[in-house]
Amino acid sequence: MNNITIIGAGPGIGAAVARRFARENFSVALIARKQKTLDPIIAELSSTGCEVVGELADAGDEQQLTRAIARIEQQHGIPDVLVYNAAVVRMDEPGELDRKELLSTWETNVLGGMTAAVLLGEKMASTGGTLVFTGGMPMPSPMLTSLSLGKAALRSLAGLLGNELGPKGLHVATVTVSGGPVAPGGPWDPDEIAEHYWRLHQQEPAEWEYDVTH
């Protein structure tokens, strides 16, 4: 059975991506900071017959994330698809956060993605996998300084990994969500956004896209 691991599994995009791949008979592994975030997603997917597991970890904590990924890999094997959807979304202006606070957002917005890619990227490349980062903020906003910085760095990380691991077989891409709040029924409906993740995974190497904007 094919499998997907979603880091930063929440009620919006994370849950929608999980549902989309579950419909294609993927087993699903979810990583989130809080059990109360995981429980409703696990219940929903389990009710459809999907094989689903959840692990608790703060994506910004290297040790927690490493342990969670190792436990999932032990149970499910190397993921066919890895989605890094974790982010710290907060309002802050330039200079508002002190160095420690800014570095804390960086650990989740960027370094967690790097940790996951280092742990799994080479293994996934050998099996022809797909790594998708949830991007955002194509135009930086002074009202969302830490998020703007983080998403810019995440796009760079995706490019670096694509250059390194793409020739080895790993499709690395970013789905950039731009323009407004993610909510059902609106222009940024999470189920519509999730279709990009599935489409990217279906692409043959000659058709690979690297940055899709919704």
C-alpha atoms as a PDB file:
ATOM      1  CA  MET A   1       0.000   0.000   0.000  1.00  0.00           C
ATOM      2  CA  ASN A   2       1.251   3.475  -0.862  1.00  0.00           C
ATOM      3  CA  ASN A   3       1.646   5.848   2.053  1.00  0.00           C
ATOM      4  CA  ILE A   4       1.811   9.555   2.799  1.00  0.00           C
ATOM      5  CA  THR A   5       3.250  11.358   5.809  1.00  0.00           C
ATOM      6  CA  ILE A   6       1.934  14.831   6.614  1.00  0.00           C
ATOM      7  CA  ILE A   7       3.901  16.996   9.029  1.00  0.00           C
ATOM      8  CA  GLY A   8       1.812  19.824  10.443  1.00  0.00           C
ATOM      9  CA  ALA A   9      -1.499  18.021  10.110  1.00  0.00           C
ATOM     10  CA  GLY A  10      -4.242  20.469  11.031  1.00  0.00           C
ATOM     11  CA  PRO A  11      -7.946  20.875  10.263  1.00  0.00           C
ATOM     12  CA  GLY A  12      -7.353  22.845   7.044  1.00  0.00           C
ATOM     13  CA  ILE A  13      -4.874  21.884   4.351  1.00  0.00           C
ATOM     14  CA  GLY A  14      -3.345  18.983   6.295  1.00  0.00           C
ATOM     15  CA  ALA A  15      -6.684  17.237   6.788  1.00  0.00           C
ATOM     16  CA  ALA A  16      -7.743  17.938   3.200  1.00  0.00           C
ATOM     17  CA  VAL A  17      -4.543  16.441   1.781  1.00  0.00           C
ATOM     18  CA  ALA A  18      -4.998  13.409   4.035  1.00  0.00           C
ATOM     19  CA  ARG A  19      -8.561  12.916   2.755  1.00  0.00           C
ATOM     20  CA  ARG A  20      -7.486  13.305  -0.868  1.00  0.00           C
ATOM     21  CA  PHE A  21      -4.790  10.651  -0.662  1.00  0.00           C
ATOM     22  CA  ALA A  22      -6.957   8.362   1.469  1.00  0.00           C
ATOM     23  CA  ARG A  23      -9.442   8.311  -1.419  1.00  0.00           C
ATOM     24  CA  GLU A  24      -6.650   6.847  -3.540  1.00  0.00           C
ATOM     25  CA  ASN A  25      -6.122   4.046  -1.010  1.00  0.00           C
ATOM     26  CA  PHE A  26      -3.010   5.529   0.579  1.00  0.00           C
ATOM     27  CA  SER A  27      -2.280   4.807   4.199  1.00  0.00           C
ATOM     28  CA  VAL A  28      -1.853   8.068   6.094  1.00  0.00           C
ATOM     29  CA  ALA A  29       0.559   9.100   8.841  1.00  0.00           C
ATOM     30  CA  LEU A  30      -0.011  12.419  10.591  1.00  0.00           C
ATOM     31  CA  ILE A  31       2.307  14.484  12.766  1.00  0.00           C
ATOM     32  CA  ALA A  32       0.944  17.348  14.864  1.00  0.00           C
ATOM     33  CA  ARG A  33       1.767  19.100  18.109  1.00  0.00           C
ATOM     34  CA  LYS A  34      -1.474  18.273  19.934  1.00  0.00           C
ATOM     35  CA  GLN A  35      -3.573  15.157  20.285  1.00  0.00           C
ATOM     36  CA  LYS A  36      -6.766  17.205  20.036  1.00  0.00           C
ATOM     37  CA  THR A  37      -5.653  18.223  16.545  1.00  0.00           C
ATOM     38  CA  LEU A  38      -5.020  14.640  15.460  1.00  0.00           C
ATOM     39  CA  ASP A  39      -8.079  12.959  16.957  1.00  0.00           C
ATOM     40  CA  PRO A  40     -10.812  14.334  14.635  1.00  0.00           C
ATOM     41  CA  ILE A  41      -8.733  13.724  11.499  1.00  0.00           C
ATOM     42  CA  ILE A  42      -7.918  10.177  12.577  1.00  0.00           C
ATOM     43  CA  ALA A  43     -11.575   9.512  13.406  1.00  0.00           C
ATOM     44  CA  GLU A  44     -12.749  10.849  10.051  1.00  0.00           C
ATOM     45  CA  LEU A  45     -10.247   8.824   8.035  1.00  0.00           C
ATOM     46  CA  SER A  46     -10.721   5.664  10.074  1.00  0.00           C
ATOM     47  CA  SER A  47     -14.458   5.799   9.407  1.00  0.00           C
ATOM     48  CA  THR A  48     -13.711   5.417   5.689  1.00  0.00           C
ATOM     49  CA  GLY A  49     -11.522   2.358   6.209  1.00  0.00           C
ATOM     50  CA  CYS A  50      -8.266   4.258   5.755  1.00  0.00           C
ATOM     51  CA  GLU A  51      -5.242   2.956   7.628  1.00  0.00           C
ATOM     52  CA  VAL A  52      -4.123   5.985   9.627  1.00  0.00           C
ATOM     53  CA  VAL A  53      -1.698   6.658  12.469  1.00  0.00           C
ATOM     54  CA  GLY A  54      -0.776   9.819  14.326  1.00  0.00           C
ATOM     55  CA  GLU A  55       2.343  10.954  16.135  1.00  0.00           C
ATOM     56  CA  LEU A  56       2.830  13.937  18.416  1.00  0.00           C
ATOM     57  CA  ALA A  57       5.788  16.220  17.719  1.00  0.00           C
ATOM     58  CA  ASP A  58       6.593  19.895  17.484  1.00  0.00           C
ATOM     59  CA  ALA A  59       7.985  20.322  13.965  1.00  0.00           C
ATOM     60  CA  GLY A  60      10.330  22.983  15.306  1.00  0.00           C
ATOM     61  CA  ASP A  61      11.897  20.560  17.788  1.00  0.00           C
ATOM     62  CA  GLU A  62      14.487  18.466  15.953  1.00  0.00           C
ATOM     63  CA  GLN A  63      14.532  15.630  18.459  1.00  0.00           C
ATOM     64  CA  GLN A  64      10.745  15.321  18.663  1.00  0.00           C
ATOM     65  CA  LEU A  65      10.354  15.410  14.894  1.00  0.00           C
ATOM     66  CA  THR A  66      13.156  12.904  14.330  1.00  0.00           C
ATOM     67  CA  ARG A  67      11.588  10.447  16.775  1.00  0.00           C
ATOM     68  CA  ALA A  68       8.137  10.810  15.229  1.00  0.00           C
ATOM     69  CA  ILE A  69       9.442  10.248  11.704  1.00  0.00           C
ATOM     70  CA  ALA A  70      11.420   7.206  12.847  1.00  0.00           C
ATOM     71  CA  ARG A  71       8.351   5.650  14.491  1.00  0.00           C
ATOM     72  CA  ILE A  72       6.258   6.191  11.365  1.00  0.00           C
ATOM     73  CA  GLU A  73       8.955   4.790   9.101  1.00  0.00           C
ATOM     74  CA  GLN A  74       9.228   1.718  11.312  1.00  0.00           C
ATOM     75  CA  GLN A  75       5.478   1.105  11.034  1.00  0.00           C
ATOM     76  CA  HIS A  76       4.808   2.171   7.439  1.00  0.00           C
ATOM     77  CA  GLY A  77       8.136   2.130   5.664  1.00  0.00           C
ATOM     78  CA  ILE A  78       9.552   4.926   3.526  1.00  0.00           C
ATOM     79  CA  PRO A  79       6.780   7.364   2.530  1.00  0.00           C
ATOM     80  CA  ASP A  80       5.799   7.638  -1.110  1.00  0.00           C
ATOM     81  CA  VAL A  81       4.717  11.207  -0.390  1.00  0.00           C
ATOM     82  CA  LEU A  82       5.937  13.598   2.292  1.00  0.00           C
ATOM     83  CA  VAL A  83       4.116  16.883   2.925  1.00  0.00           C
ATOM     84  CA  TYR A  84       5.629  19.571   5.111  1.00  0.00           C
ATOM     85  CA  ASN A  85       2.700  21.752   6.152  1.00  0.00           C
ATOM     86  CA  ALA A  86       3.927  23.097   9.503  1.00  0.00           C
ATOM     87  CA  ALA A  87       4.127  26.855  10.054  1.00  0.00           C
ATOM     88  CA  VAL A  88       3.926  29.500  12.733  1.00  0.00           C
ATOM     89  CA  VAL A  89       1.329  31.979  11.496  1.00  0.00           C
ATOM     90  CA  ARG A  90       1.311  35.163  13.543  1.00  0.00           C
ATOM     91  CA  MET A  91       1.072  38.894  13.072  1.00  0.00           C
ATOM     92  CA  ASP A  92       4.395  40.617  13.666  1.00  0.00           C
ATOM     93  CA  GLU A  93       6.139  43.642  12.190  1.00  0.00           C
ATOM     94  CA  PRO A  94       9.870  44.087  11.476  1.00  0.00           C
ATOM     95  CA  GLY A  95      11.726  44.338  14.775  1.00  0.00           C
ATOM     96  CA  GLU A  96       8.736  43.319  16.892  1.00  0.00           C
ATOM     97  CA  LEU A  97      10.116  39.879  17.744  1.00  0.00           C
ATOM     98  CA  ASP A  98      13.373  39.561  19.596  1.00  0.00           C
ATOM     99  CA  ARG A  99      16.056  37.262  18.219  1.00  0.00           C
ATOM    100  CA  LYS A 100      14.955  34.271  20.297  1.00  0.00           C
ATOM    101  CA  GLU A 101      11.309  34.587  19.205  1.00  0.00           C
ATOM    102  CA  LEU A 102      12.249  35.003  15.554  1.00  0.00           C
ATOM    103  CA  LEU A 103      14.520  31.968  15.658  1.00  0.00           C
ATOM    104  CA  SER A 104      11.695  29.975  17.220  1.00  0.00           C
ATOM    105  CA  THR A 105       9.439  30.699  14.227  1.00  0.00           C
ATOM    106  CA  TRP A 106      12.330  29.844  11.875  1.00  0.00           C
ATOM    107  CA  GLU A 107      12.717  26.428  13.503  1.00  0.00           C
ATOM    108  CA  THR A 108       9.158  25.503  12.521  1.00  0.00           C
ATOM    109  CA  ASN A 109       8.782  27.428   9.282  1.00  0.00           C
ATOM    110  CA  VAL A 110      12.067  26.254   7.753  1.00  0.00           C
ATOM    111  CA  LEU A 111      14.282  23.967   9.806  1.00  0.00           C
ATOM    112  CA  GLY A 112      11.610  21.336  10.407  1.00  0.00           C
ATOM    113  CA  GLY A 113      11.322  20.955   6.653  1.00  0.00           C
ATOM    114  CA  MET A 114      15.077  20.591   6.384  1.00  0.00           C
ATOM    115  CA  THR A 115      15.120  17.954   9.131  1.00  0.00           C
ATOM    116  CA  ALA A 116      12.410  15.897   7.416  1.00  0.00           C
ATOM    117  CA  ALA A 117      14.130  16.161   4.033  1.00  0.00           C
ATOM    118  CA  VAL A 118      17.509  15.104   5.434  1.00  0.00           C
ATOM    119  CA  LEU A 119      15.955  12.099   7.164  1.00  0.00           C
ATOM    120  CA  LEU A 120      13.816  10.911   4.260  1.00  0.00           C
ATOM    121  CA  GLY A 121      14.861  12.620   1.027  1.00  0.00           C
ATOM    122  CA  GLU A 122      17.526  10.206  -0.191  1.00  0.00           C
ATOM    123  CA  LYS A 123      15.405   7.188   0.738  1.00  0.00           C
ATOM    124  CA  MET A 124      12.367   8.597  -1.065  1.00  0.00           C
ATOM    125  CA  ALA A 125      14.434   9.449  -4.131  1.00  0.00           C
ATOM    126  CA  SER A 126      15.416   5.811  -4.462  1.00  0.00           C
ATOM    127  CA  THR A 127      11.735   4.839  -4.726  1.00  0.00           C
ATOM    128  CA  GLY A 128      10.582   7.777  -6.853  1.00  0.00           C
ATOM    129  CA  GLY A 129       8.739   9.722  -4.154  1.00  0.00           C
ATOM    130  CA  THR A 130       7.251  13.189  -3.909  1.00  0.00           C
ATOM    131  CA  LEU A 131       8.082  15.898  -1.361  1.00  0.00           C
ATOM    132  CA  VAL A 132       5.730  18.872  -1.209  1.00  0.00           C
ATOM    133  CA  PHE A 133       6.133  21.961   0.945  1.00  0.00           C
ATOM    134  CA  THR A 134       3.157  24.191   1.716  1.00  0.00           C
ATOM    135  CA  GLY A 135       4.337  27.644   0.696  1.00  0.00           C
ATOM    136  CA  GLY A 136       2.839  31.086   1.038  1.00  0.00           C
ATOM    137  CA  MET A 137       3.562  34.795   1.072  1.00  0.00           C
ATOM    138  CA  PRO A 138       4.787  35.173  -2.523  1.00  0.00           C
ATOM    139  CA  MET A 139       4.805  38.897  -1.748  1.00  0.00           C
ATOM    140  CA  PRO A 140       6.267  39.645   1.706  1.00  0.00           C
ATOM    141  CA  SER A 141       4.083  41.581   4.111  1.00  0.00           C
ATOM    142  CA  PRO A 142       5.423  43.808   6.913  1.00  0.00           C
ATOM    143  CA  MET A 143       2.447  42.695   8.990  1.00  0.00           C
ATOM    144  CA  LEU A 144       3.558  39.058   8.697  1.00  0.00           C
ATOM    145  CA  THR A 145       7.301  39.449   8.926  1.00  0.00           C
ATOM    146  CA  SER A 146       8.324  36.100  10.423  1.00  0.00           C
ATOM    147  CA  LEU A 147       6.008  34.169   8.103  1.00  0.00           C
ATOM    148  CA  SER A 148       7.227  36.115   5.056  1.00  0.00           C
ATOM    149  CA  LEU A 149      10.835  35.343   5.932  1.00  0.00           C
ATOM    150  CA  GLY A 150      10.059  31.707   6.618  1.00  0.00           C
ATOM    151  CA  LYS A 151       8.120  31.053   3.424  1.00  0.00           C
ATOM    152  CA  ALA A 152      10.804  32.737   1.311  1.00  0.00           C
ATOM    153  CA  ALA A 153      13.405  30.455   2.882  1.00  0.00           C
ATOM    154  CA  LEU A 154      11.163  27.427   2.402  1.00  0.00           C
ATOM    155  CA  ARG A 155      10.933  28.145  -1.336  1.00  0.00           C
ATOM    156  CA  SER A 156      14.718  28.323  -1.455  1.00  0.00           C
ATOM    157  CA  LEU A 157      14.958  25.044   0.443  1.00  0.00           C
ATOM    158  CA  ALA A 158      12.639  23.374  -2.054  1.00  0.00           C
ATOM    159  CA  GLY A 159      14.791  24.631  -4.907  1.00  0.00           C
ATOM    160  CA  LEU A 160      17.984  23.383  -3.298  1.00  0.00           C
ATOM    161  CA  LEU A 161      16.512  19.966  -2.586  1.00  0.00           C
ATOM    162  CA  GLY A 162      15.086  19.749  -6.091  1.00  0.00           C
ATOM    163  CA  ASN A 163      18.492  20.439  -7.601  1.00  0.00           C
ATOM    164  CA  GLU A 164      20.120  17.844  -5.360  1.00  0.00           C
ATOM    165  CA  LEU A 165      17.523  15.087  -5.260  1.00  0.00           C
ATOM    166  CA  GLY A 166      15.475  15.617  -8.414  1.00  0.00           C
ATOM    167  CA  PRO A 167      18.060  13.894 -10.638  1.00  0.00           C
ATOM    168  CA  LYS A 168      17.989  10.973  -8.190  1.00  0.00           C
ATOM    169  CA  GLY A 169      14.219  10.555  -8.540  1.00  0.00           C
ATOM    170  CA  LEU A 170      12.567  12.760  -5.902  1.00  0.00           C
ATOM    171  CA  HIS A 171       9.968  15.254  -7.120  1.00  0.00           C
ATOM    172  CA  VAL A 172      10.296  18.303  -4.859  1.00  0.00           C
ATOM    173  CA  ALA A 173       7.636  20.990  -5.194  1.00  0.00           C
ATOM    174  CA  THR A 174       5.926  23.823  -3.376  1.00  0.00           C
ATOM    175  CA  VAL A 175       2.206  24.577  -3.282  1.00  0.00           C
ATOM    176  CA  THR A 176       2.039  28.305  -2.603  1.00  0.00           C
ATOM    177  CA  VAL A 177      -1.244  29.378  -1.027  1.00  0.00           C
ATOM    178  CA  SER A 178      -1.651  33.061  -1.777  1.00  0.00           C
ATOM    179  CA  GLY A 179      -4.262  35.692  -1.171  1.00  0.00           C
ATOM    180  CA  GLY A 180      -6.592  34.887   1.684  1.00  0.00           C
ATOM    181  CA  PRO A 181      -7.779  32.607   4.489  1.00  0.00           C
ATOM    182  CA  VAL A 182      -8.074  28.879   3.917  1.00  0.00           C
ATOM    183  CA  ALA A 183     -11.720  27.963   4.533  1.00  0.00           C
ATOM    184  CA  PRO A 184     -14.274  25.571   3.037  1.00  0.00           C
ATOM    185  CA  GLY A 185     -16.449  26.998   0.293  1.00  0.00           C
ATOM    186  CA  GLY A 186     -14.264  30.005  -0.470  1.00  0.00           C
ATOM    187  CA  PRO A 187     -11.570  30.768  -3.038  1.00  0.00           C
ATOM    188  CA  TRP A 188      -9.033  29.007  -0.846  1.00  0.00           C
ATOM    189  CA  ASP A 189     -11.045  25.884  -0.123  1.00  0.00           C
ATOM    190  CA  PRO A 190      -8.682  23.302   1.418  1.00  0.00           C
ATOM    191  CA  ASP A 191     -10.147  20.460  -0.639  1.00  0.00           C
ATOM    192  CA  GLU A 192      -9.398  22.387  -3.835  1.00  0.00           C
ATOM    193  CA  ILE A 193      -5.888  23.160  -2.617  1.00  0.00           C
ATOM    194  CA  ALA A 194      -5.369  19.463  -1.825  1.00  0.00           C
ATOM    195  CA  GLU A 195      -5.916  18.618  -5.491  1.00  0.00           C
ATOM    196  CA  HIS A 196      -2.586  20.299  -6.306  1.00  0.00           C
ATOM    197  CA  TYR A 197      -0.747  17.879  -4.008  1.00  0.00           C
ATOM    198  CA  TRP A 198      -2.342  14.862  -5.642  1.00  0.00           C
ATOM    199  CA  ARG A 199      -1.712  16.186  -9.162  1.00  0.00           C
ATOM    200  CA  LEU A 200       1.949  16.870  -8.378  1.00  0.00           C
ATOM    201  CA  HIS A 201       2.398  13.311  -7.141  1.00  0.00           C
ATOM    202  CA  GLN A 202       0.840  11.927 -10.325  1.00  0.00           C
ATOM    203  CA  GLN A 203       3.199  13.747 -12.667  1.00  0.00           C
ATOM    204  CA  GLU A 204       5.839  11.940 -14.694  1.00  0.00           C
ATOM    205  CA  PRO A 205       9.370  13.372 -14.439  1.00  0.00           C
ATOM    206  CA  ALA A 206       9.110  15.072 -17.830  1.00  0.00           C
ATOM    207  CA  GLU A 207       5.991  16.907 -16.582  1.00  0.00           C
ATOM    208  CA  TRP A 208       7.182  17.876 -13.116  1.00  0.00           C
ATOM    209  CA  GLU A 209       6.068  21.253 -11.808  1.00  0.00           C
ATOM    210  CA  TYR A 210       8.049  22.834  -9.024  1.00  0.00           C
ATOM    211  CA  ASP A 211       5.955  25.725  -7.681  1.00  0.00           C
ATOM    212  CA  VAL A 212       2.172  25.798  -7.987  1.00  0.00           C
ATOM    213  CA  THR A 213       0.242  28.849  -6.775  1.00  0.00           C
ATOM    214  CA  HIS A 214      -3.338  28.619  -5.590  1.00  0.00           C
END
